[in-house]
N, C-alpha and C. Protein backbone atom coordinates (compact mmCIF):
# COMPACT_ATOMS: atom_id res chain seq x y z
N MET A 1 134.49 118.21 147.12
CA MET A 1 135.13 116.93 147.03
C MET A 1 136.36 116.96 147.93
N SER A 2 136.63 115.79 148.53
CA SER A 2 137.76 115.70 149.44
C SER A 2 138.30 114.27 149.40
N LEU A 3 139.56 114.10 149.78
CA LEU A 3 140.13 112.76 149.82
C LEU A 3 141.20 112.67 150.88
N SER A 4 141.50 111.44 151.25
CA SER A 4 142.55 111.16 152.21
C SER A 4 143.27 109.91 151.73
N ILE A 5 144.58 109.94 151.73
CA ILE A 5 145.37 108.79 151.29
C ILE A 5 146.03 108.19 152.53
N THR A 6 145.81 106.88 152.69
CA THR A 6 146.36 106.18 153.85
C THR A 6 147.09 104.92 153.39
N ASP A 7 147.72 104.26 154.33
CA ASP A 7 148.36 102.98 154.00
C ASP A 7 147.34 101.85 154.13
N GLU A 8 147.78 100.65 153.87
CA GLU A 8 146.86 99.51 153.88
C GLU A 8 146.41 99.10 155.27
N HIS A 9 146.96 99.71 156.31
CA HIS A 9 146.60 99.38 157.68
C HIS A 9 145.46 100.25 158.21
N SER A 10 145.04 101.24 157.47
CA SER A 10 143.95 102.14 157.89
C SER A 10 142.66 101.71 157.22
N HIS A 11 141.59 101.81 157.97
CA HIS A 11 140.28 101.49 157.40
C HIS A 11 139.61 102.79 156.98
N ASP A 12 138.92 102.75 155.85
CA ASP A 12 138.30 103.96 155.30
C ASP A 12 137.35 104.64 156.29
N THR A 13 136.62 103.85 157.05
CA THR A 13 135.62 104.46 157.93
C THR A 13 136.27 105.34 159.01
N THR A 14 137.52 105.05 159.38
CA THR A 14 138.19 105.89 160.38
C THR A 14 138.61 107.24 159.80
N GLU A 15 138.64 107.36 158.50
CA GLU A 15 139.02 108.61 157.84
C GLU A 15 137.81 109.48 157.49
N PHE A 16 136.62 108.94 157.68
CA PHE A 16 135.40 109.61 157.20
C PHE A 16 135.25 111.04 157.72
N ARG A 17 135.32 111.22 159.01
CA ARG A 17 135.11 112.56 159.58
C ARG A 17 136.20 113.54 159.16
N LYS A 18 137.43 113.04 159.07
CA LYS A 18 138.53 113.90 158.64
C LYS A 18 138.28 114.41 157.22
N VAL A 19 137.88 113.50 156.33
CA VAL A 19 137.59 113.86 154.95
C VAL A 19 136.37 114.77 154.89
N PHE A 20 135.34 114.43 155.65
CA PHE A 20 134.12 115.24 155.66
C PHE A 20 134.40 116.67 156.10
N ASN A 21 135.22 116.84 157.10
CA ASN A 21 135.51 118.19 157.62
C ASN A 21 136.29 119.06 156.64
N LEU A 22 136.76 118.50 155.55
CA LEU A 22 137.48 119.27 154.54
C LEU A 22 136.57 119.83 153.44
N ILE A 23 135.29 119.41 153.46
CA ILE A 23 134.36 119.88 152.43
C ILE A 23 133.51 121.02 152.98
N PRO A 24 132.91 121.83 152.10
CA PRO A 24 132.10 122.97 152.56
C PRO A 24 130.97 122.54 153.49
N SER A 25 130.69 123.36 154.47
CA SER A 25 129.67 123.03 155.46
C SER A 25 128.25 123.10 154.90
N LYS A 26 128.08 123.57 153.68
CA LYS A 26 126.75 123.68 153.08
C LYS A 26 126.26 122.36 152.50
N SER A 27 127.05 121.31 152.62
CA SER A 27 126.70 120.02 152.04
C SER A 27 125.37 119.51 152.60
N LYS A 28 124.52 119.02 151.72
CA LYS A 28 123.23 118.47 152.12
C LYS A 28 123.14 116.99 151.87
N ILE A 29 124.09 116.44 151.12
CA ILE A 29 124.10 115.02 150.80
C ILE A 29 125.54 114.55 150.67
N VAL A 30 125.81 113.35 151.15
CA VAL A 30 127.15 112.77 151.05
C VAL A 30 127.03 111.40 150.40
N TYR A 31 127.81 111.19 149.36
CA TYR A 31 127.89 109.91 148.68
C TYR A 31 129.16 109.20 149.13
N GLY A 32 129.06 107.91 149.37
CA GLY A 32 130.24 107.17 149.78
C GLY A 32 130.14 105.71 149.42
N LYS A 33 131.29 105.10 149.30
CA LYS A 33 131.31 103.67 149.00
C LYS A 33 131.01 102.88 150.28
N GLY A 34 130.85 101.59 150.12
CA GLY A 34 130.48 100.73 151.24
C GLY A 34 131.45 100.73 152.39
N ALA A 35 132.69 101.11 152.16
CA ALA A 35 133.67 101.14 153.24
C ALA A 35 133.30 102.18 154.30
N TYR A 36 132.44 103.12 153.97
CA TYR A 36 132.00 104.13 154.93
C TYR A 36 130.74 103.72 155.68
N ASP A 37 130.28 102.51 155.45
CA ASP A 37 129.07 102.00 156.10
C ASP A 37 129.36 101.67 157.55
N SER A 38 129.00 102.60 158.43
CA SER A 38 129.11 102.36 159.87
C SER A 38 128.03 103.17 160.58
N ARG A 39 127.60 102.67 161.73
CA ARG A 39 126.58 103.38 162.50
C ARG A 39 127.07 104.78 162.87
N SER A 40 128.33 104.88 163.26
CA SER A 40 128.84 106.19 163.68
C SER A 40 128.84 107.20 162.53
N ASN A 41 129.15 106.76 161.32
CA ASN A 41 129.13 107.68 160.18
C ASN A 41 127.71 108.12 159.85
N PHE A 42 126.77 107.19 159.87
CA PHE A 42 125.38 107.55 159.61
C PHE A 42 124.86 108.49 160.70
N ASN A 43 125.18 108.21 161.96
CA ASN A 43 124.75 109.08 163.06
C ASN A 43 125.37 110.47 162.92
N PHE A 44 126.64 110.52 162.55
CA PHE A 44 127.35 111.78 162.37
C PHE A 44 126.65 112.65 161.32
N LEU A 45 126.31 112.06 160.17
CA LEU A 45 125.64 112.80 159.10
C LEU A 45 124.22 113.20 159.51
N HIS A 46 123.50 112.27 160.10
CA HIS A 46 122.11 112.55 160.49
C HIS A 46 122.04 113.69 161.51
N SER A 47 122.98 113.73 162.43
CA SER A 47 122.98 114.79 163.45
C SER A 47 123.20 116.17 162.84
N ARG A 48 123.74 116.21 161.63
CA ARG A 48 123.98 117.47 160.93
C ARG A 48 122.94 117.75 159.83
N GLY A 49 121.92 116.88 159.76
CA GLY A 49 120.86 117.07 158.78
C GLY A 49 121.30 116.79 157.36
N ILE A 50 122.26 115.90 157.19
CA ILE A 50 122.81 115.59 155.87
C ILE A 50 122.35 114.20 155.45
N ASP A 51 121.85 114.09 154.22
CA ASP A 51 121.43 112.80 153.68
C ASP A 51 122.66 111.96 153.34
N ALA A 52 122.60 110.68 153.69
CA ALA A 52 123.69 109.76 153.39
C ALA A 52 123.30 108.85 152.24
N VAL A 53 124.14 108.80 151.24
CA VAL A 53 124.00 107.84 150.15
C VAL A 53 125.27 107.01 150.21
N ILE A 54 125.24 106.04 151.13
CA ILE A 54 126.38 105.16 151.36
C ILE A 54 125.89 103.74 151.17
N LEU A 55 126.55 103.02 150.31
CA LEU A 55 126.16 101.66 150.01
C LEU A 55 126.35 100.78 151.24
N PRO A 56 125.26 100.23 151.78
CA PRO A 56 125.41 99.35 152.95
C PRO A 56 125.96 97.99 152.54
N ARG A 57 126.59 97.32 153.49
CA ARG A 57 127.10 95.97 153.24
C ARG A 57 125.93 95.05 152.90
N GLU A 58 126.21 93.99 152.15
CA GLU A 58 125.15 93.06 151.73
C GLU A 58 124.41 92.44 152.91
N ASN A 59 125.11 92.16 153.98
CA ASN A 59 124.49 91.51 155.13
C ASN A 59 124.02 92.51 156.19
N SER A 60 123.82 93.75 155.82
CA SER A 60 123.41 94.79 156.77
C SER A 60 122.06 94.49 157.38
N SER A 61 121.96 94.71 158.66
CA SER A 61 120.71 94.49 159.38
C SER A 61 119.78 95.68 159.17
N THR A 62 118.49 95.39 159.14
CA THR A 62 117.50 96.46 159.03
C THR A 62 117.01 96.88 160.42
N LEU A 63 117.59 96.31 161.47
CA LEU A 63 117.27 96.71 162.83
C LEU A 63 118.10 97.94 163.20
N SER A 64 117.59 98.74 164.11
CA SER A 64 118.25 100.02 164.39
C SER A 64 119.56 99.87 165.16
N ARG A 65 119.68 99.03 166.12
CA ARG A 65 120.91 98.75 166.87
C ARG A 65 121.94 99.88 166.88
N GLY A 66 121.58 101.01 167.41
CA GLY A 66 122.53 102.10 167.55
C GLY A 66 122.44 103.18 166.49
N SER A 67 121.68 102.93 165.41
CA SER A 67 121.53 103.94 164.38
C SER A 67 120.22 103.74 163.61
N PRO A 68 119.15 104.31 164.13
CA PRO A 68 117.87 104.21 163.42
C PRO A 68 117.95 104.77 162.00
N TYR A 69 118.77 105.81 161.80
CA TYR A 69 118.91 106.41 160.47
C TYR A 69 119.54 105.42 159.49
N ARG A 70 120.58 104.71 159.92
CA ARG A 70 121.21 103.72 159.06
C ARG A 70 120.24 102.60 158.71
N ALA A 71 119.48 102.13 159.69
CA ALA A 71 118.50 101.07 159.45
C ALA A 71 117.46 101.53 158.42
N LYS A 72 117.05 102.77 158.53
CA LYS A 72 116.08 103.33 157.58
C LYS A 72 116.66 103.33 156.16
N ILE A 73 117.91 103.73 156.03
CA ILE A 73 118.57 103.77 154.72
C ILE A 73 118.72 102.35 154.16
N VAL A 74 119.10 101.40 155.00
CA VAL A 74 119.26 100.01 154.55
C VAL A 74 117.92 99.49 154.05
N ARG A 75 116.85 99.73 154.80
CA ARG A 75 115.51 99.28 154.35
C ARG A 75 115.13 99.92 153.02
N ARG A 76 115.40 101.22 152.90
CA ARG A 76 115.06 101.93 151.66
C ARG A 76 115.83 101.36 150.47
N MET A 77 117.11 101.11 150.64
CA MET A 77 117.93 100.60 149.54
C MET A 77 117.55 99.17 149.17
N ARG A 78 117.14 98.38 150.12
CA ARG A 78 116.73 97.00 149.82
C ARG A 78 115.41 96.96 149.07
N ASN A 79 114.59 97.97 149.28
CA ASN A 79 113.28 97.99 148.63
C ASN A 79 113.33 98.60 147.23
N GLU A 80 114.46 99.15 146.83
CA GLU A 80 114.56 99.78 145.50
C GLU A 80 114.87 98.76 144.43
C-alpha cells in the first residue's frame, strides 16, 4: 500500500507512477479509484504485466484510441 498527499491543484492521475513506485515490485494487480483512469496509467501497468482494476469514467469509450488495454477493461466492466 502506498499514498501521496497533494494540494487541491494536483490531479490524482499525475501522482500515479510516484505512488506505484513506492510499492513492492512483485505486485500483480493494482486497484484504484476513477481518478486514476487514464490511457497512460493503463499502458504503464500493462507494459509491466500488471492487471488494472481501475474504475473507468462513466462516459469512457470502448475504442482503443491510444490504449487497447484500457478499452478492453472498459468493455469488460460494462459487461459485468
